[in-house]
Protein backbone atom coordinates (compact mmCIF):
# COMPACT_ATOMS: atom_id res chain seq x y z
CA MET A 1 10.97 19.09 -37.07
CA LYS A 2 10.71 17.14 -40.26
CA LYS A 3 7.51 15.60 -41.35
CA GLY A 4 8.74 12.17 -40.95
CA SER A 5 9.97 12.88 -37.36
CA VAL A 6 6.60 14.41 -36.55
CA VAL A 7 4.83 11.30 -37.79
CA LEU A 8 7.24 9.01 -35.75
CA TRP A 9 6.75 11.00 -32.63
CA CYS A 10 2.98 11.00 -32.89
CA ILE A 11 2.97 7.02 -33.33
CA SER A 12 5.38 6.85 -30.30
CA MET A 13 3.23 8.91 -28.09
CA THR A 14 0.04 6.91 -29.24
CA ALA A 15 1.76 3.70 -28.48
CA ILE A 16 2.80 4.88 -25.02
CA ALA A 17 -0.71 5.92 -24.31
CA LEU A 18 -2.08 2.66 -25.48
CA LEU A 19 0.39 0.56 -23.45
CA CYS A 20 0.31 2.85 -20.30
CA PRO A 21 -3.55 3.70 -19.72
CA CYS A 22 -2.59 5.11 -16.33
CA ILE A 23 -0.92 7.92 -17.99
CA LEU A 24 -3.43 10.68 -18.51
CA LEU A 25 -2.70 13.91 -20.26
CA ALA A 26 -2.94 17.24 -18.29
CA GLU A 27 -6.72 18.24 -18.36
CA THR A 28 -8.67 21.22 -17.62
CA GLU A 29 -12.16 19.60 -17.48
CA ILE A 30 -13.09 16.23 -16.18
CA GLU A 31 -16.41 14.41 -16.97
CA PHE A 32 -18.16 11.32 -15.58
CA SER A 33 -21.17 9.49 -17.16
CA GLU A 34 -24.26 8.26 -15.15
CA PRO A 35 -23.38 6.16 -12.00
CA ILE A 36 -24.00 2.54 -11.90
CA ILE A 37 -24.20 0.04 -9.11
CA VAL A 38 -21.39 -2.46 -9.72
CA PHE A 39 -21.88 -4.45 -6.56
CA SER A 40 -24.56 -4.75 -3.74
CA ALA A 41 -25.00 -7.20 -0.85
CA PRO A 42 -27.28 -7.63 2.32
CA LYS A 43 -26.39 -7.83 5.82
CA GLY A 44 -25.13 -11.29 7.18
CA SER A 45 -22.03 -13.42 7.56
CA ALA A 46 -22.21 -15.59 4.56
CA PRO A 47 -19.84 -15.08 1.70
CA GLY A 48 -20.52 -11.88 -0.18
CA GLN A 49 -22.37 -10.43 2.89
CA PHE A 50 -21.28 -7.83 5.28
CA GLY A 51 -21.71 -7.64 9.12
CA TYR A 52 -23.15 -4.79 11.20
CA THR A 53 -23.83 -3.57 14.72
CA SER A 54 -25.16 -0.26 15.81
CA GLY A 55 -22.63 -0.38 18.75
CA PRO A 56 -21.58 1.55 20.66
CA PRO A 57 -19.25 2.18 18.69
CA PRO A 58 -20.93 1.20 15.42
CA CYS A 59 -19.27 -1.22 13.37
CA TYR A 60 -19.91 -1.74 9.48
CA PRO A 61 -17.57 -2.15 6.38
CA SER A 62 -14.75 0.57 6.98
CA ASP A 63 -12.91 0.62 3.76
CA PHE A 64 -12.60 -0.60 0.11
CA ALA A 65 -10.11 -0.56 -2.77
CA ILE A 66 -10.14 -1.35 -6.53
CA ASP A 67 -7.32 -3.18 -8.19
CA GLN A 68 -5.91 -2.94 -11.52
CA LYS A 69 -8.29 -5.60 -13.02
CA GLY A 70 -11.21 -3.99 -11.30
CA ASN A 71 -11.77 -6.20 -8.64
CA ILE A 72 -13.20 -4.80 -5.34
CA TRP A 73 -11.56 -5.45 -1.99
CA ILE A 74 -13.86 -4.65 0.94
CA SER A 75 -13.06 -4.55 4.66
CA ASP A 76 -15.83 -6.41 6.41
CA ALA A 77 -14.96 -5.15 9.88
CA TRP A 78 -17.70 -6.93 12.03
CA ASN A 79 -16.95 -10.41 10.34
CA LYS A 80 -13.31 -9.71 10.78
CA ARG A 81 -12.31 -10.46 7.42
CA VAL A 82 -11.57 -8.87 3.89
CA GLN A 83 -13.60 -9.92 0.99
CA LYS A 84 -12.54 -9.94 -2.90
CA ILE A 85 -15.42 -9.14 -5.24
CA SER A 86 -15.07 -9.43 -9.07
CA LYS A 87 -15.52 -6.54 -11.29
CA ASP A 88 -18.81 -8.04 -12.28
CA GLY A 89 -20.12 -8.20 -8.56
CA HIS A 90 -19.50 -11.72 -7.70
CA PHE A 91 -17.86 -13.13 -4.64
CA LEU A 92 -14.37 -14.38 -5.02
CA PHE A 93 -13.00 -15.26 -1.71
CA SER A 94 -12.32 -13.76 1.83
CA TRP A 95 -9.32 -13.39 3.97
CA GLU A 96 -10.15 -14.06 7.49
CA GLU A 97 -8.32 -11.84 10.08
CA PRO A 98 -6.43 -13.82 12.77
CA PRO A 99 -7.90 -14.52 16.18
CA GLY A 100 -7.50 -11.67 18.41
CA TRP A 101 -7.60 -8.95 15.70
CA GLY A 102 -9.91 -6.07 16.48
CA GLY A 103 -11.58 -5.73 13.10
CA GLY A 104 -12.23 -2.29 11.41
CA ALA A 105 -9.30 -2.77 8.98
CA ASN A 106 -8.03 0.02 6.66
CA LEU A 107 -7.11 -1.11 3.06
CA GLU A 108 -4.72 0.10 0.48
CA LEU A 109 -3.13 -1.33 -2.70
CA ASP A 110 0.26 -0.89 -4.21
CA ALA A 111 1.32 -0.77 -7.89
CA ASN A 112 1.60 -4.43 -7.87
CA ASP A 113 -2.02 -5.04 -6.51
CA ASN A 114 -0.68 -6.27 -3.29
CA VAL A 115 -3.25 -5.57 -0.47
CA TYR A 116 -2.25 -3.70 2.78
CA VAL A 117 -4.59 -4.41 5.71
CA MET A 118 -4.10 -2.33 8.85
CA ASN A 119 -5.69 -3.10 12.13
CA ASP A 120 -5.26 -0.89 15.26
CA GLU A 121 -4.09 -3.36 18.09
CA GLY A 122 -4.43 -0.67 20.81
CA LYS A 123 -1.44 -0.37 23.30
CA SER A 124 0.29 -3.06 21.11
CA GLY A 125 0.44 -0.85 18.11
CA VAL A 126 -0.60 -1.04 14.60
CA LYS A 127 -0.59 -4.54 12.79
CA ILE A 128 -0.04 -4.43 8.98
CA THR A 129 -0.52 -7.53 6.77
CA VAL A 130 0.37 -7.66 3.16
CA LEU A 131 -1.58 -10.03 0.79
CA ASN A 132 -0.97 -10.68 -2.66
CA SER A 133 -3.94 -10.85 -5.35
CA ASP A 134 -4.82 -14.43 -4.37
CA GLY A 135 -5.20 -13.66 -0.70
CA ASP A 136 -1.83 -15.29 0.41
CA VAL A 137 0.16 -13.59 3.14
CA LEU A 138 3.35 -12.00 2.00
CA LYS A 139 4.46 -10.51 5.22
CA SER A 140 3.10 -9.13 8.33
CA PHE A 141 4.73 -6.56 10.89
CA LEU A 142 3.78 -4.55 13.91
CA TYR A 143 4.22 -0.74 14.28
CA SER A 144 4.66 0.13 17.95
CA THR A 145 2.87 3.33 18.25
CA LEU A 146 4.08 5.99 20.56
CA PRO A 147 1.78 6.93 23.54
CA ILE A 148 0.78 10.35 21.85
CA ASP A 149 -0.81 8.11 18.84
CA ARG A 150 -2.66 5.70 20.97
CA GLY A 151 -6.32 5.99 21.17
CA THR A 152 -6.81 7.89 17.74
CA SER A 153 -8.11 6.73 14.41
CA LYS A 154 -5.42 5.75 12.07
CA THR A 155 -5.03 5.80 8.19
CA LEU A 156 -2.83 3.58 6.20
CA ARG A 157 -1.53 5.02 2.82
CA VAL A 158 0.89 3.19 0.30
CA ASN A 159 2.32 5.03 -2.70
CA ALA A 160 3.41 3.59 -5.97
CA ASP A 161 6.86 2.62 -4.66
CA GLY A 162 5.26 0.68 -1.78
CA ASP A 163 6.39 3.23 0.88
CA VAL A 164 3.99 2.98 3.86
CA TYR A 165 2.70 5.79 5.70
CA VAL A 166 0.53 5.72 8.80
CA PHE A 167 -1.45 8.67 9.98
CA GLY A 168 -2.81 9.10 13.49
CA ARG A 169 -2.06 12.44 15.29
CA ARG A 170 1.09 12.48 13.15
CA ALA A 171 2.37 11.09 9.83
CA ILE A 172 4.98 8.40 10.04
CA LEU A 173 7.09 6.65 7.21
CA LEU A 174 7.58 3.19 8.05
CA GLY A 175 10.23 0.70 6.88
CA SER A 176 9.48 -2.92 5.52
CA ILE A 177 9.25 -4.47 8.99
CA GLY A 178 7.52 -1.56 10.74
CA GLU A 179 10.34 0.53 11.88
CA ILE A 180 10.09 4.26 11.97
CA ILE A 181 12.15 5.87 9.18
CA GLN A 182 10.76 9.41 9.34
CA LYS A 183 8.46 11.35 11.72
CA LEU A 184 6.69 13.63 9.29
CA GLY A 185 5.00 15.86 11.87
CA ASP A 186 1.11 16.60 12.77
CA ARG A 187 0.01 16.16 9.21
CA GLU A 188 -2.27 14.12 7.14
CA ILE A 189 -1.06 11.95 4.25
CA TRP A 190 -2.57 11.43 0.84
CA THR A 191 -1.09 9.46 -1.92
CA SER A 192 -2.20 6.67 -4.24
CA PRO A 193 -0.85 3.30 -5.82
CA PHE A 194 -0.47 5.32 -9.14
CA ARG A 195 1.94 8.01 -7.83
CA ARG A 196 5.34 8.25 -6.22
CA THR A 197 4.57 11.61 -4.67
CA VAL A 198 2.71 12.06 -1.47
CA LEU A 199 0.44 15.04 -0.51
CA MET A 200 0.69 16.16 2.98
CA SER A 201 -1.57 18.85 4.76
CA GLY A 202 -0.01 21.54 6.72
CA THR A 203 -1.62 24.36 8.83
CA PRO A 204 -4.36 26.72 7.67
CA ARG A 205 -3.22 29.45 5.58
CA GLU A 206 -6.44 31.52 5.97
CA SER A 207 -8.58 29.29 8.39
CA HIS A 208 -11.69 31.43 8.20
CA LEU A 209 -11.64 30.68 4.46
CA ASN A 210 -10.92 26.97 5.25
CA ARG A 211 -7.85 27.20 2.91
CA TYR A 212 -5.00 24.83 3.65
CA ARG A 213 -1.39 24.64 2.49
CA TYR A 214 -0.47 21.24 1.12
CA GLY A 215 3.12 20.10 0.40
CA ARG A 216 4.00 17.50 -2.33
CA TYR A 217 6.60 15.30 -1.03
CA GLU A 218 8.81 12.49 -2.81
CA ARG A 219 10.91 9.85 -1.17
CA GLN A 220 14.56 10.68 -1.99
CA GLY A 221 16.85 8.09 -0.51
CA SER A 222 15.87 7.29 2.98
CA LYS A 223 13.77 10.60 3.54
CA CYS A 224 10.67 12.11 2.38
CA VAL A 225 11.39 15.58 0.94
CA LYS A 226 9.06 18.43 -0.04
CA ILE A 227 9.33 19.29 -3.73
CA ALA A 228 6.40 21.78 -3.97
CA ASP A 229 3.71 23.78 -2.29
CA ILE A 230 0.13 23.98 -3.24
CA VAL A 231 -3.00 25.48 -1.57
CA ILE A 232 -6.41 24.11 -1.80
CA GLU A 233 -9.62 25.37 -0.48
CA THR A 234 -10.28 22.44 1.96
CA GLN A 235 -8.59 20.18 4.51
CA ARG A 236 -10.33 16.85 3.30
CA PHE A 237 -9.11 14.80 0.52
CA GLU A 238 -10.84 11.68 -0.76
CA ALA A 239 -8.89 10.24 -4.00
CA ILE A 240 -6.03 10.88 -6.22
CA ASP A 241 -6.29 9.62 -9.70
CA PRO A 242 -3.39 8.33 -11.96
CA ALA A 243 -2.89 11.87 -13.37
CA GLY A 244 -2.47 13.14 -9.81
CA ASN A 245 -5.74 15.02 -9.76
CA VAL A 246 -7.02 15.47 -6.26
CA PHE A 247 -10.76 14.65 -5.60
CA ILE A 248 -12.49 16.23 -2.71
CA PHE A 249 -16.04 15.16 -1.49
CA SER A 250 -17.65 18.31 -0.16
CA TYR A 251 -21.27 17.69 -0.08
CA ALA A 252 -24.08 15.04 -0.32
CA ASP A 253 -27.55 15.76 0.30
CA PRO A 254 -29.53 12.66 1.43
CA ILE A 255 -32.96 14.09 0.27
CA SER A 256 -31.79 15.62 -3.09
CA GLU A 257 -29.10 13.05 -3.90
CA ARG A 258 -26.87 15.96 -5.05
CA LEU A 259 -23.13 15.00 -5.00
CA LYS A 260 -20.55 17.79 -5.01
CA MET A 261 -17.00 16.83 -5.79
CA ASP A 262 -14.26 19.32 -6.15
CA VAL A 263 -11.26 18.28 -8.18
CA TYR A 264 -7.79 19.98 -8.51
CA ASP A 265 -4.91 18.95 -10.60
CA LYS A 266 -1.51 18.24 -9.15
CA GLN A 267 -0.48 21.85 -9.26
CA GLY A 268 -3.61 22.86 -7.23
CA ASN A 269 -5.69 24.28 -10.03
CA PHE A 270 -9.30 23.90 -9.91
CA LEU A 271 -10.78 21.58 -12.81
CA THR A 272 -14.23 21.90 -14.17
CA THR A 273 -15.78 18.63 -13.28
CA THR A 274 -19.14 17.04 -14.21
CA ILE A 275 -20.16 14.31 -11.92
CA PRO A 276 -23.84 13.18 -12.50
CA ASP A 277 -26.01 12.75 -9.39
CA CYS A 278 -27.00 9.18 -8.29
CA PRO A 279 -30.65 7.82 -8.99
CA LYS A 280 -33.02 8.32 -6.11
CA THR A 281 -32.20 4.91 -4.61
CA ARG A 282 -28.68 6.14 -3.62
CA ALA A 283 -28.84 7.88 -0.37
CA SER A 284 -31.67 5.81 1.32
CA ASN A 285 -30.53 6.86 4.82
CA PRO A 286 -26.80 6.00 4.61
CA GLU A 287 -24.98 4.99 7.59
CA HIS A 288 -21.77 5.59 5.99
CA ALA A 289 -21.28 7.07 2.43
CA ASP A 290 -18.11 9.08 2.10
CA GLU A 291 -15.56 6.60 0.90
CA PHE A 292 -14.25 7.31 -2.72
CA VAL A 293 -11.51 5.65 -4.65
CA THR A 294 -10.19 5.90 -8.27
CA ASP A 295 -9.05 3.05 -10.53
CA ILE A 296 -6.22 2.87 -12.90
CA ASN A 297 -8.40 4.33 -15.69
CA GLY A 298 -9.60 7.34 -13.58
CA ASN A 299 -13.09 5.91 -12.98
CA LEU A 300 -14.60 7.12 -9.76
CA TYR A 301 -15.99 4.69 -7.05
CA GLN A 302 -18.13 5.19 -3.92
CA MET A 303 -18.96 2.61 -1.05
CA GLN A 304 -22.44 3.25 0.46
CA VAL A 305 -23.33 1.67 3.66
CA ILE A 306 -27.15 1.80 4.27
CA SER A 307 -28.32 1.41 7.83
CA PRO A 308 -29.97 -2.11 8.07
CA VAL A 309 -32.92 -0.43 10.03
CA PHE A 310 -33.94 1.02 6.69
CA ALA A 311 -32.39 -1.48 4.35
CA GLY A 312 -34.12 -4.33 5.83
CA SER A 313 -32.75 -8.04 6.14
CA ASN A 314 -32.97 -8.97 2.40
CA LYS A 315 -32.28 -5.56 0.75
CA ASP A 316 -29.04 -3.81 -0.17
CA TYR A 317 -26.86 -3.03 2.84
CA VAL A 318 -23.59 -2.35 1.04
CA ARG A 319 -23.44 -0.83 -2.42
CA ILE A 320 -20.41 0.02 -4.55
CA TRP A 321 -21.30 2.84 -7.09
CA LYS A 322 -19.05 3.58 -10.14
CA TRP A 323 -18.88 6.69 -12.08
CA PRO A 324 -17.25 5.79 -15.62
CA ARG A 325 -14.73 8.32 -16.76
CA VAL A 326 -15.59 10.00 -20.14
CA LYS A 327 -12.49 10.12 -22.31
CA ASN A 328 -11.67 13.44 -23.71
């Protein structure tokens, strides 16, 4: 390659990287800086507060997502609403769930920052409502679950193309009005608004070692087709970043505050990862502290729900932690 061509190629690649921050180069090591609290709120029903009941069953903020501008969407299950918080931690607005909804919404974002809100309506099925970034309803549809899937917790997944997947006892690919396009079997679905491909768990390869085989699937025409196989040392995923790296939350000790997160690239290779522990204020008797997401720049977030018994009426009940990604 001639010198002029090399210079032009370098300029072109630099421009692509600047214009498309979600495109991350292949890595062998990932590092994060010290975590910070980007949002905290007490228990309550006022704007920017979040509801709680000890149950049974217990009810507390159930899910969250980070859009491309860094805004935080949080499902306030007990108050039956979805709240939008700015990246600076200020309340923006809330979307109130229609009367009769059960609360406990599951949230997902697509590549256009539309928000997918899923509520399990029991025997009626699963209600999915799509909101734009201003909280306006774009569409709403009902997925009529089969008897085998009723009574089980369900998870919503949406990939970069806006394909909708629901996982209960099985994984289902849905159409735009809730019709079943494809039954994908008794498998768990993992994807992200940054990726077209979908990661789907299979059966244990060596169950005594907790090693599971995962298939990487891609939508081709009207079907979801396997394009690769990988094996990862766990069954539980937490997040997938823009580069396709898979984050697995494997351990958090509420006394020592140690956080262990294993990360694998999209081929299943283990990546050396540095994630600093949180300060001692982090795990003050957490009620729920295992929800993780990544944003478009690869930063890692965790939602922590602290039992109000320990938090007190005027103290933090919900916290969103952020680990800024260190650029290599």
